[in-house]
Protein backbone atom coordinates (compact mmCIF):
# COMPACT_ATOMS: atom_id res chain seq x y z
CA MET A 1 -3.13 -13.51 31.27
CA ASP A 2 -5.81 -13.57 28.56
CA SER A 3 -7.80 -10.34 28.20
CA ALA A 4 -10.95 -12.21 27.11
CA PRO A 5 -12.80 -14.73 29.27
CA ARG A 6 -12.30 -18.38 28.38
CA THR A 7 -16.07 -18.72 28.51
CA ASP A 8 -16.64 -16.42 25.53
CA PRO A 9 -18.75 -18.73 23.32
CA LEU A 10 -17.47 -17.24 20.06
CA LEU A 11 -13.85 -17.74 21.03
CA ASP A 12 -14.57 -21.31 22.01
CA VAL A 13 -15.95 -21.91 18.50
CA LEU A 14 -12.94 -20.22 16.91
CA ARG A 15 -10.56 -22.35 18.96
CA ASP A 16 -12.31 -25.43 17.65
CA VAL A 17 -11.84 -24.15 14.08
CA VAL A 18 -8.19 -23.06 14.08
CA GLY A 19 -6.75 -24.51 17.29
CA ALA A 20 -6.39 -22.78 20.64
CA GLU A 21 -2.82 -21.64 19.89
CA HIS A 22 -4.10 -19.60 16.95
CA VAL A 23 -6.72 -17.64 18.87
CA LEU A 24 -4.79 -14.87 20.60
CA THR A 25 -6.26 -12.90 23.48
CA ASP A 26 -3.18 -12.17 25.61
CA PRO A 27 -2.72 -8.36 25.40
CA GLU A 28 1.01 -8.66 24.65
CA LEU A 29 0.37 -11.07 21.78
CA VAL A 30 -2.57 -9.10 20.43
CA ALA A 31 -0.86 -5.68 20.57
CA PRO A 32 1.18 -5.97 17.32
CA TYR A 33 -2.05 -6.64 15.40
CA THR A 34 -3.90 -3.60 16.75
CA VAL A 35 -1.49 -0.73 15.96
CA ASP A 36 -0.65 0.19 12.39
CA TRP A 37 2.82 0.94 11.04
CA SER A 38 2.39 4.72 11.30
CA ARG A 39 1.47 4.36 15.01
CA ARG A 40 -1.34 6.87 14.46
CA PHE A 41 -4.15 4.32 14.38
CA ALA A 42 -4.94 1.70 17.02
CA GLY A 43 -7.88 0.12 18.80
CA PRO A 44 -9.04 -2.87 20.84
CA ALA A 45 -9.67 -6.33 19.38
CA ARG A 46 -11.87 -9.08 20.76
CA ALA A 47 -9.22 -11.57 19.64
CA VAL A 48 -6.76 -12.31 16.85
CA VAL A 49 -7.50 -15.45 14.84
CA ARG A 50 -4.96 -17.06 12.50
CA PRO A 51 -6.59 -19.56 10.13
CA ALA A 52 -4.41 -21.90 8.09
CA ASP A 53 -6.45 -22.25 4.90
CA THR A 54 -9.48 -21.00 3.02
CA GLU A 55 -11.83 -23.48 4.70
CA GLN A 56 -10.80 -22.22 8.12
CA VAL A 57 -11.22 -18.61 6.99
CA ALA A 58 -14.77 -19.40 5.86
CA ALA A 59 -15.56 -21.13 9.16
CA VAL A 60 -14.18 -18.17 11.12
CA VAL A 61 -16.26 -15.69 9.13
CA ARG A 62 -19.43 -17.77 9.50
CA ALA A 63 -18.92 -18.07 13.26
CA CYS A 64 -18.34 -14.34 13.68
CA VAL A 65 -21.35 -13.38 11.56
CA ALA A 66 -23.54 -15.79 13.52
CA ALA A 67 -22.37 -14.12 16.72
CA GLY A 68 -22.80 -10.59 15.32
CA ALA A 69 -19.09 -9.91 15.71
CA PRO A 70 -17.22 -7.60 13.30
CA VAL A 71 -14.37 -9.19 11.31
CA LEU A 72 -11.24 -7.25 10.39
CA PRO A 73 -9.04 -8.94 7.73
CA GLN A 74 -5.34 -8.18 8.16
CA GLY A 75 -2.24 -9.02 6.13
CA GLY A 76 1.24 -7.80 7.05
CA ASN A 77 -0.10 -4.75 8.91
CA THR A 78 2.08 -2.35 6.92
CA GLY A 79 -0.82 0.01 6.13
CA LEU A 80 -0.72 3.74 6.85
CA VAL A 81 -4.40 4.74 6.81
CA GLY A 82 -5.88 2.65 9.63
CA GLY A 83 -7.56 0.18 7.29
CA GLY A 84 -6.02 -2.94 8.80
CA VAL A 85 -6.36 -2.24 12.52
CA PRO A 86 -9.37 -1.80 14.81
CA ALA A 87 -11.02 1.57 15.34
CA SER A 88 -10.05 3.42 18.50
CA ALA A 89 -13.72 3.53 19.52
CA PRO A 90 -15.55 0.25 18.84
CA GLY A 91 -18.98 0.44 17.22
CA PRO A 92 -22.18 -0.97 18.68
CA ALA A 93 -21.14 -4.54 17.79
CA GLY A 94 -18.02 -4.21 19.93
CA PRO A 95 -14.33 -4.72 19.06
CA PRO A 96 -13.64 -6.81 15.97
CA VAL A 97 -12.06 -10.19 15.62
CA VAL A 98 -8.82 -9.57 13.71
CA LEU A 99 -8.52 -12.28 11.05
CA SER A 100 -4.83 -12.56 10.24
CA THR A 101 -4.05 -14.10 6.84
CA ARG A 102 -0.35 -14.60 7.52
CA ARG A 103 -0.62 -18.41 7.65
CA LEU A 104 -2.13 -18.55 4.14
CA THR A 105 1.25 -19.15 2.53
CA ARG A 106 0.34 -21.28 -0.48
CA LEU A 107 2.82 -20.61 -3.28
CA ASP A 108 2.31 -22.70 -6.41
CA PRO A 109 4.95 -23.39 -9.07
CA VAL A 110 5.13 -20.71 -11.75
CA ASP A 111 3.08 -21.53 -14.84
CA ASP A 112 5.65 -20.90 -17.57
CA LEU A 113 3.15 -21.19 -20.40
CA SER A 114 0.81 -18.48 -19.13
CA GLY A 115 3.37 -16.43 -17.18
CA GLN A 116 1.28 -16.62 -14.01
CA VAL A 117 1.46 -17.86 -10.45
CA THR A 118 -1.06 -18.51 -7.66
CA ALA A 119 -0.11 -17.23 -4.23
CA GLY A 120 -1.80 -17.35 -0.84
CA ALA A 121 -2.84 -14.09 0.77
CA GLY A 122 -0.21 -14.44 3.51
CA VAL A 123 2.81 -14.72 1.21
CA THR A 124 5.02 -11.66 1.54
CA LEU A 125 5.74 -9.58 -1.52
CA GLY A 126 9.44 -10.29 -1.10
CA ASP A 127 8.95 -14.06 -0.97
CA LEU A 128 6.74 -13.89 -4.05
CA ARG A 129 9.29 -11.88 -5.98
CA ARG A 130 12.11 -14.28 -5.07
CA HIS A 131 9.96 -17.30 -5.94
CA VAL A 132 9.11 -16.08 -9.42
CA ALA A 133 12.64 -14.75 -10.04
CA ALA A 134 14.01 -18.24 -9.43
CA ALA A 135 11.74 -19.44 -12.25
CA GLY A 136 12.89 -16.71 -14.63
CA TRP A 137 10.04 -14.24 -14.16
CA GLU A 138 9.36 -10.93 -12.46
CA TYR A 139 6.36 -9.63 -10.51
CA GLY A 140 5.43 -6.07 -11.45
CA VAL A 141 4.74 -4.66 -7.96
CA ASP A 142 7.59 -3.70 -5.67
CA PHE A 143 8.14 -1.28 -2.77
CA ALA A 144 10.27 -0.85 0.34
CA ALA A 145 8.01 -2.89 2.68
CA ARG A 146 8.34 -5.95 0.42
CA ASP A 147 9.46 -8.29 3.20
CA SER A 148 6.52 -7.41 5.47
CA ALA A 149 3.60 -6.58 3.19
CA THR A 150 1.52 -9.57 2.10
CA VAL A 151 0.06 -10.41 -1.29
CA GLY A 152 -3.50 -10.30 0.08
CA GLY A 153 -2.94 -6.89 1.62
CA THR A 154 -1.43 -5.45 -1.54
CA VAL A 155 -4.38 -6.72 -3.59
CA ALA A 156 -6.94 -5.52 -1.05
CA THR A 157 -5.45 -2.01 -1.23
CA ASN A 158 -4.49 -2.08 -4.94
CA ALA A 159 -0.93 -1.20 -3.96
CA GLY A 160 1.36 0.74 -6.28
CA GLY A 161 5.06 1.13 -5.58
CA ILE A 162 8.16 1.98 -7.57
CA ARG A 163 7.34 0.11 -10.81
CA VAL A 164 3.88 1.52 -11.62
CA VAL A 165 5.20 3.55 -14.55
CA ALA A 166 6.40 0.31 -16.16
CA PHE A 167 3.86 -2.32 -15.05
CA GLY A 168 0.82 -0.55 -13.59
CA MET A 169 -0.89 -0.88 -10.21
CA THR A 170 -1.65 -4.20 -8.51
CA ARG A 171 -5.03 -4.45 -10.26
CA ALA A 172 -3.19 -4.80 -13.58
CA GLN A 173 -1.40 -7.88 -12.23
CA VAL A 174 -4.49 -9.73 -10.93
CA ALA A 175 -5.77 -12.56 -13.15
CA GLY A 176 -8.05 -14.17 -10.56
CA VAL A 177 -9.01 -14.17 -6.90
CA GLU A 178 -10.21 -16.60 -4.26
CA ALA A 179 -12.08 -15.00 -1.37
CA VAL A 180 -14.49 -15.60 1.47
CA LEU A 181 -17.57 -13.36 1.31
CA PRO A 182 -19.20 -11.86 4.42
CA ASP A 183 -21.65 -14.77 4.73
CA GLY A 184 -18.84 -17.34 4.66
CA THR A 185 -19.33 -18.29 1.00
CA VAL A 186 -16.12 -19.10 -0.87
CA VAL A 187 -15.74 -17.70 -4.40
CA SER A 188 -12.74 -18.99 -6.34
CA HIS A 189 -11.73 -18.06 -9.89
CA LEU A 190 -8.03 -18.83 -10.23
CA GLY A 191 -7.88 -20.27 -13.76
CA GLY A 192 -6.09 -17.22 -15.13
CA LEU A 193 -7.54 -17.53 -18.63
CA LEU A 194 -6.37 -14.76 -20.92
CA LYS A 195 -9.84 -14.63 -22.49
CA ASP A 196 -12.72 -15.18 -20.08
CA ASN A 197 -15.86 -13.15 -20.78
CA THR A 198 -18.15 -14.85 -18.28
CA GLY A 199 -19.73 -12.00 -16.39
CA TYR A 200 -18.63 -9.69 -13.63
CA ASP A 201 -14.93 -9.56 -12.81
CA LEU A 202 -15.06 -10.29 -9.08
CA GLY A 203 -11.27 -10.14 -8.84
CA ALA A 204 -11.26 -6.56 -10.09
CA LEU A 205 -14.06 -5.70 -7.65
CA LEU A 206 -12.25 -7.14 -4.64
CA THR A 207 -8.96 -5.53 -5.64
CA GLY A 208 -8.87 -2.22 -3.79
CA SER A 209 -11.94 -3.03 -1.66
CA GLU A 210 -9.83 -2.91 1.53
CA GLY A 211 -11.41 -5.98 3.11
CA THR A 212 -14.91 -4.51 3.11
CA LEU A 213 -16.45 -6.97 0.62
CA GLY A 214 -14.57 -10.20 1.32
CA VAL A 215 -11.45 -11.80 2.78
CA ILE A 216 -8.97 -12.50 0.00
CA THR A 217 -7.35 -15.90 0.55
CA ALA A 218 -5.44 -16.51 -2.71
CA VAL A 219 -4.64 -14.64 -5.91
CA ARG A 220 -3.69 -15.59 -9.46
CA LEU A 221 -1.06 -13.10 -10.62
CA ARG A 222 0.29 -12.10 -14.02
CA LEU A 223 4.07 -12.06 -14.31
CA HIS A 224 6.52 -10.32 -16.62
CA ARG A 225 9.72 -11.31 -18.32
CA PRO A 226 12.65 -10.08 -16.21
CA VAL A 227 13.91 -6.56 -16.70
CA GLY A 228 17.34 -6.50 -18.33
CA ALA A 229 20.37 -4.63 -17.04
CA THR A 230 19.59 -1.07 -15.99
CA THR A 231 21.14 2.31 -15.30
CA VAL A 232 20.26 4.32 -12.19
CA VAL A 233 21.07 8.01 -11.70
CA LEU A 234 20.49 10.64 -9.06
CA VAL A 235 20.18 14.13 -10.50
CA GLY A 236 20.02 17.38 -8.57
CA VAL A 237 17.23 19.71 -9.73
CA ASP A 238 16.04 23.10 -8.58
CA SER A 239 12.28 22.82 -9.10
CA TYR A 240 9.43 20.40 -9.75
CA ASP A 241 9.12 21.83 -13.25
CA GLU A 242 12.76 21.00 -13.91
CA ALA A 243 12.25 17.49 -12.54
CA MET A 244 9.23 16.92 -14.77
CA ALA A 245 11.16 18.17 -17.79
CA ALA A 246 14.04 15.82 -16.95
CA VAL A 247 11.70 12.80 -16.94
CA ARG A 248 10.51 13.80 -20.41
CA THR A 249 13.89 14.62 -21.94
CA TYR A 250 16.58 12.54 -20.19
CA VAL A 251 15.20 9.14 -21.24
CA ALA A 252 16.55 8.17 -24.66
CA PRO A 253 14.01 7.25 -27.38
CA GLY A 254 13.17 3.55 -27.32
CA THR A 255 14.36 3.14 -23.72
CA ARG A 256 11.92 1.86 -21.10
CA LEU A 257 11.57 4.02 -18.00
CA LEU A 258 11.28 1.81 -14.90
CA ALA A 259 11.20 4.41 -12.14
CA ALA A 260 11.16 8.17 -11.68
CA GLU A 261 11.33 9.10 -8.00
CA LEU A 262 11.74 12.49 -6.34
CA VAL A 263 13.00 13.44 -2.85
CA ASP A 264 13.15 16.96 -1.45
CA ASP A 265 15.97 18.45 0.63
CA VAL A 266 14.15 17.79 3.93
CA GLY A 267 13.95 14.09 3.17
CA MET A 268 17.52 13.92 1.88
CA ASP A 269 18.91 15.57 5.02
CA LEU A 270 16.89 13.27 7.24
CA VAL A 271 17.75 10.00 5.49
CA MET A 272 21.44 10.93 5.54
CA ALA A 273 21.28 11.58 9.29
CA VAL A 274 19.29 8.45 10.11
CA ALA A 275 20.99 6.01 7.73
CA GLY A 276 24.48 7.54 7.85
CA LEU A 277 24.52 8.14 4.10
CA PRO A 278 26.79 10.78 2.52
CA TRP A 279 25.52 13.56 0.26
CA PRO A 280 25.63 11.81 -3.14
CA LEU A 281 26.07 14.83 -5.44
CA GLU A 282 28.61 17.62 -5.87
CA ARG A 283 26.43 20.50 -4.64
CA PRO A 284 23.18 21.02 -2.70
CA HIS A 285 19.78 21.06 -4.43
CA PRO A 286 16.21 21.54 -3.20
CA LEU A 287 15.19 18.33 -5.01
CA VAL A 288 16.90 15.09 -6.05
CA LEU A 289 15.49 13.02 -8.91
CA LEU A 290 16.14 9.26 -9.22
CA LEU A 291 15.73 7.68 -12.65
CA GLU A 292 16.08 4.02 -13.56
CA VAL A 293 15.94 2.82 -17.16
CA GLU A 294 16.34 -0.52 -18.89
CA ASP A 295 19.24 -0.02 -21.30
CA GLY A 296 21.42 -3.12 -20.99
CA GLY A 297 23.44 -1.43 -18.24
CA THR A 298 25.32 0.69 -20.78
CA GLY A 299 24.27 4.09 -19.51
CA ASP A 300 23.13 4.96 -23.02
CA GLY A 301 19.47 4.97 -22.03
CA LEU A 302 19.80 8.33 -20.29
CA VAL A 303 20.79 11.53 -22.07
CA VAL A 304 21.80 13.82 -19.22
CA PRO A 305 23.15 17.32 -19.98
CA ASP A 306 26.86 17.83 -19.34
CA ASP A 307 26.20 20.53 -16.76
CA ALA A 308 23.82 18.37 -14.68
CA ASP A 309 24.86 17.39 -11.16
CA VAL A 310 24.50 13.63 -11.42
CA ALA A 311 25.57 10.38 -9.73
CA ALA A 312 25.27 7.30 -11.93
CA ALA A 313 25.32 3.58 -11.12
CA LEU A 314 25.57 0.65 -13.51
CA ASP A 315 26.30 -2.30 -11.21
CA ALA A 316 23.82 -3.70 -8.71
CA GLY A 317 25.70 -2.69 -5.58
CA ASP A 318 26.00 0.96 -6.56
CA GLN A 319 22.39 1.01 -7.73
CA GLU A 320 21.20 -0.32 -4.38
CA ARG A 321 23.19 2.42 -2.66
CA LEU A 322 21.51 5.15 -4.72
CA TRP A 323 18.08 3.62 -4.16
CA GLN A 324 18.60 3.89 -0.38
CA TYR A 325 18.05 7.64 -0.55
CA ARG A 326 14.50 7.02 -1.80
CA GLU A 327 13.50 3.69 -0.24
CA ARG A 328 14.40 4.70 3.32
CA GLN A 329 12.39 7.94 3.29
CA SER A 330 9.36 6.66 5.21
CA GLU A 331 11.59 4.94 7.76
CA ALA A 332 13.68 8.10 8.20
CA PHE A 333 10.65 10.30 8.87
CA SER A 334 9.24 7.73 11.31
CA SER A 335 12.39 8.18 13.41
CA LEU A 336 10.99 11.60 14.38
CA GLY A 337 8.01 10.04 16.16
CA VAL A 338 4.39 9.72 15.09
CA ILE A 339 4.25 11.10 11.56
CA HIS A 340 1.24 12.13 9.49
CA LYS A 341 1.85 10.24 6.24
CA LEU A 342 -0.34 11.48 3.38
CA ASP A 343 -0.41 9.58 0.10
CA VAL A 344 -2.05 11.51 -2.74
CA SER A 345 -1.89 11.89 -6.51
CA VAL A 346 -2.18 14.83 -8.87
CA PRO A 347 -2.62 15.18 -12.65
CA LEU A 348 0.87 15.55 -14.10
CA PRO A 349 0.25 19.02 -15.60
CA ALA A 350 -0.68 20.31 -12.12
CA LEU A 351 1.97 18.46 -10.12
CA ALA A 352 4.69 21.12 -9.98
CA ARG A 353 2.33 23.91 -8.95
CA CYS A 354 0.41 21.72 -6.49
CA ALA A 355 3.49 20.26 -4.76
CA ALA A 356 5.04 23.67 -4.18
CA GLU A 357 1.77 25.15 -2.91
CA LEU A 358 1.10 22.19 -0.67
CA LYS A 359 4.49 22.19 1.02
CA GLN A 360 4.41 25.93 1.64
CA ALA A 361 0.91 25.83 3.11
CA VAL A 362 1.58 22.90 5.43
CA ALA A 363 4.90 24.32 6.64
CA ALA A 364 3.08 27.52 7.67
CA LEU A 365 0.88 25.69 10.21
CA ASP A 366 1.88 26.39 13.83
CA SER A 367 1.62 22.69 14.74
CA VAL A 368 4.06 21.53 12.05
CA ASP A 369 7.76 21.08 12.87
CA ARG A 370 8.86 19.58 9.58
CA VAL A 371 7.27 18.66 6.25
CA GLY A 372 8.90 16.62 3.51
CA VAL A 373 7.70 15.55 0.10
CA PHE A 374 8.82 12.54 -1.91
CA GLY A 375 7.17 10.21 -4.33
CA HIS A 376 6.69 8.61 -7.71
CA LEU A 377 7.07 11.53 -10.07
CA ALA A 378 6.16 9.80 -13.34
CA ASP A 379 2.70 8.75 -12.11
CA GLY A 380 1.87 11.89 -10.12
CA ASN A 381 2.02 10.20 -6.72
CA ILE A 382 3.13 12.49 -3.87
CA HIS A 383 3.94 11.30 -0.34
CA VAL A 384 3.73 14.07 2.25
CA GLU A 385 5.42 13.43 5.61
CA ILE A 386 4.51 15.79 8.45
CA SER A 387 5.98 15.87 11.95
CA GLY A 388 4.69 17.94 14.85
CA PRO A 389 0.88 17.57 15.04
CA ASP A 390 -0.63 15.18 17.55
CA ALA A 391 -1.77 11.86 16.11
CA ASP A 392 -5.45 12.91 16.18
CA ASP A 393 -4.86 16.49 14.96
CA LEU A 394 -6.31 16.53 11.44
CA GLU A 395 -5.63 20.15 10.47
CA ALA A 396 -2.57 19.34 8.34
CA ASP A 397 -4.22 16.26 6.85
CA ALA A 398 -7.25 18.28 5.81
CA LEU A 399 -5.09 20.98 4.26
CA VAL A 400 -3.24 18.39 2.16
CA VAL A 401 -6.30 16.58 0.80
CA GLU A 402 -8.21 19.81 0.17
CA THR A 403 -5.25 21.25 -1.74
CA ILE A 404 -5.01 18.07 -3.79
CA ALA A 405 -8.73 18.16 -4.55
CA ARG A 406 -8.50 21.75 -5.82
CA HIS A 407 -5.91 20.59 -8.33
CA GLY A 408 -8.05 17.70 -9.54
CA GLY A 409 -6.13 15.00 -7.69
CA SER A 410 -7.01 11.96 -5.58
CA VAL A 411 -6.96 11.82 -1.78
CA SER A 412 -5.36 8.36 -2.04
CA ALA A 413 -2.87 7.25 -4.67
CA GLU A 414 -1.78 3.80 -3.48
CA HIS A 415 -2.33 3.32 0.27
CA GLY A 416 -6.11 3.15 0.19
CA ILE A 417 -8.76 5.13 2.06
CA GLY A 418 -8.85 3.12 5.29
CA ARG A 419 -10.35 4.89 8.28
CA ALA A 420 -8.10 7.93 7.96
CA LYS A 421 -9.61 9.24 4.72
CA ALA A 422 -13.14 7.81 4.71
CA HIS A 423 -14.51 11.24 5.63
CA TRP A 424 -12.70 12.78 2.63
CA LEU A 425 -13.76 10.24 0.01
CA PRO A 426 -16.29 12.74 -1.47
CA LEU A 427 -13.36 14.97 -2.47
CA SER A 428 -12.38 12.36 -5.06
CA ARG A 429 -15.55 10.40 -5.79
CA SER A 430 -18.98 11.69 -6.84
CA ALA A 431 -22.13 11.17 -4.81
CA ALA A 432 -23.35 8.69 -7.42
CA GLU A 433 -20.13 6.67 -7.20
CA ILE A 434 -20.23 6.54 -3.41
CA ALA A 435 -23.90 5.56 -3.45
CA THR A 436 -23.02 2.70 -5.79
CA MET A 437 -20.26 1.57 -3.45
CA ARG A 438 -22.72 1.61 -0.56
CA ARG A 439 -25.22 -0.50 -2.50
CA LEU A 440 -22.50 -3.07 -3.24
CA LYS A 441 -21.49 -3.11 0.42
CA ARG A 442 -25.08 -3.62 1.61
CA ALA A 443 -25.70 -6.36 -0.96
CA LEU A 444 -22.69 -8.43 0.13
CA ASP A 445 -22.50 -7.42 3.78
CA PRO A 446 -25.99 -6.38 4.92
CA ASP A 447 -25.00 -6.35 8.59
CA GLY A 448 -21.88 -4.26 7.99
CA LEU A 449 -19.65 -6.69 9.89
CA LEU A 450 -16.69 -6.87 7.49
CA ASN A 451 -14.12 -4.18 8.28
CA PRO A 452 -16.73 -1.66 9.43
CA GLY A 453 -15.79 2.02 9.12
CA VAL A 454 -13.12 1.42 6.47
CA LEU A 455 -13.48 3.07 3.05
CA LEU A 456 -17.10 4.08 3.76
CA ASP A 457 -17.39 6.09 6.96
CA ASP A 458 -20.81 4.58 7.74
CA PRO A 459 -19.84 1.12 9.08
CA THR A 460 -22.93 -0.51 7.60
CA GLY A 461 -22.34 0.99 4.16
């Protein structure tokens, strides 16, 4: 049975726009759109609407704004900070209409001359990567949720992943954006010109805005020539300092580093238990470092000391096996129940000291059963996984972000601010910066109806 009355005038308008089958109100159908992947954040929705193209997105936004209804853009719903699901307690305007972009699956042929492609917001990262690979190109963003996360969502959150050290964050890949603004206006700049000094870069502004300034409907993306054959190794190390030194010294001169990932012993034990993987090295270590370099698959790109405890892989099958220890970390921790997943970054000179301090401090909390640390070592990105505290217990979260702030880091490295960290944004951004963000929000969304409460804790900006 539908949870919303058929006589709701707004829903009647939305059904006329997208078709009745794409306006979901049945609680069982709506539920997957209202709980995020971490299972910590959830809230009620007035309905879920699934437009098929940019024109329908614009019509949906206009109808919602006219009715004073909040609009929550959502991609693959793989977020971990509550930015893509409704708030547990609706604001004065009531529960939002969740605008799902999953049907926006435009995927143009690759432009070989410019090395670019235009993709709809609903295309999954995995489908995009396979599409461009078939044309002889590579997309620079990749991470474990590639077959669920959507292009629009990754742009809206400026996603990072395992290739940042080689290609940069998502913002570095964006050559143009099409979006629907909070008043239903469509802005489209998808030409992808290499030189285009014609005013404000709206694509850069919308990248990382977390759906608070507009609904991204399509993106023009820069591509890269494919990476050649690589070598992957797992190396056992005894400290973060040793791991950092290995990143500096193990990579041969002239060799491109593609990934430098670190997993602690808690995460290694858990992923082995959950995924049935064997211990990959000869002896135990508190930390395991994964390095991947582009060296023609010869193994010559890594200069590892003879006494190092190392497992190396040159062919694709063995490399995939080694990558499992890192890529299945989040999944392994989630098997323990509702996990507090903190994504932060630290200046590289402070990383070793900060990571050790952080883990010790969190583990000492009475509410914490287990704490594990893994992440992207070369770019200072630490993922902290905490089991034990209730979903709404913020003591451990606060300890993590406050520790990071003391070391000059950022409360969010690649997952965004969402609802979870809006209160802590001042730890990483100055009052002047936040005031500027609020002015931008008010200018584009004066009624505060687009993703209220995300990024800026005042829903109206």
